[in-house]
Protein backbone atom coordinates (compact mmCIF):
# COMPACT_ATOMS: atom_id res chain seq x y z
CA UNK A 1 -107.98 39.05 -2.50
CA UNK A 2 -109.03 35.89 -0.61
CA UNK A 3 -107.71 32.46 -1.46
CA UNK A 4 -110.89 31.16 -1.72
CA UNK A 5 -112.36 34.15 -3.76
CA UNK A 6 -114.22 33.08 -7.06
CA UNK A 7 -113.30 34.35 -10.32
CA UNK A 8 -115.43 35.28 -13.16
CA UNK A 9 -115.55 35.16 -16.68
CA UNK A 10 -113.49 38.05 -17.80
CA UNK A 11 -111.19 37.19 -14.90
CA UNK A 12 -110.54 33.41 -15.80
CA UNK A 13 -110.47 34.31 -19.36
CA UNK A 14 -107.68 36.97 -18.53
CA UNK A 15 -106.05 34.22 -16.60
CA UNK A 16 -105.75 31.65 -19.08
CA UNK A 17 -104.28 34.05 -21.72
CA UNK A 18 -101.74 35.04 -18.94
CA UNK A 19 -100.65 31.32 -18.70
CA UNK A 20 -100.33 31.03 -22.20
CA UNK A 21 -98.25 34.13 -22.69
CA UNK A 22 -96.38 34.12 -19.63
CA UNK A 23 -94.95 30.33 -20.85
CA UNK A 24 -93.95 32.21 -24.34
CA UNK A 25 -91.91 34.64 -22.27
CA UNK A 26 -93.94 37.68 -21.92
CA UNK A 27 -93.06 39.58 -18.50
CA UNK A 28 -96.21 39.35 -15.96
CA UNK A 29 -96.02 43.44 -16.21
CA UNK A 30 -96.63 43.64 -19.52
CA UNK A 31 -99.76 41.11 -19.62
CA UNK A 32 -100.93 43.24 -17.04
CA UNK A 33 -100.73 46.24 -18.70
CA UNK A 34 -102.22 44.93 -22.14
CA UNK A 35 -105.32 44.42 -19.72
CA UNK A 36 -105.41 47.55 -18.40
CA UNK A 37 -104.56 46.32 -14.65
CA UNK A 38 -101.59 46.20 -12.08
CA UNK A 39 -99.44 43.30 -12.12
CA UNK A 40 -100.37 43.16 -8.44
CA UNK A 41 -103.66 42.61 -9.40
CA UNK A 42 -103.37 39.57 -12.21
CA UNK A 43 -101.20 38.19 -9.55
CA UNK A 44 -103.30 37.87 -6.49
CA UNK A 45 -105.92 36.65 -9.18
CA UNK A 46 -102.95 33.93 -9.84
CA UNK A 47 -102.91 33.26 -6.41
CA UNK A 48 -106.87 32.37 -5.43
CA UNK A 49 -107.90 28.84 -5.55
CA UNK A 50 -109.72 28.90 -8.90
CA UNK A 51 -106.35 30.46 -10.32
CA UNK A 52 -103.93 27.81 -9.02
CA UNK A 53 -106.52 25.30 -10.27
CA UNK A 54 -106.48 26.72 -13.61
CA UNK A 55 -103.24 27.13 -13.41
CA UNK A 56 -102.98 23.18 -13.03
CA UNK A 57 -105.36 22.71 -15.74
CA UNK A 58 -103.11 24.56 -18.19
CA UNK A 59 -99.57 22.93 -17.48
CA UNK A 60 -101.64 19.38 -17.84
CA UNK A 61 -103.02 20.46 -21.20
CA UNK A 62 -99.32 21.46 -21.95
CA UNK A 63 -98.25 18.07 -21.03
CA UNK A 64 -100.44 15.90 -23.12
CA UNK A 65 -100.13 18.10 -26.32
CA UNK A 66 -96.23 17.78 -25.52
CA UNK A 67 -96.62 14.45 -25.65
CA UNK A 68 -98.56 14.17 -28.49
CA UNK A 69 -95.90 15.67 -30.82
């Protein structure tokens, strides 16, 4: 998948869930399997530019949530 490929709403929703579950110590292959996809597919979505932007957004939100607590 090209780095500048756009992600559809389903892919975005899955990636958002992936980041949350991954940082809760769940393995990528288990997360991918729960969505009936391969780890390689999930990884390729994560490595796109929109996927990286989602990841950065998730990290910033987590950081701000942690500071409030």
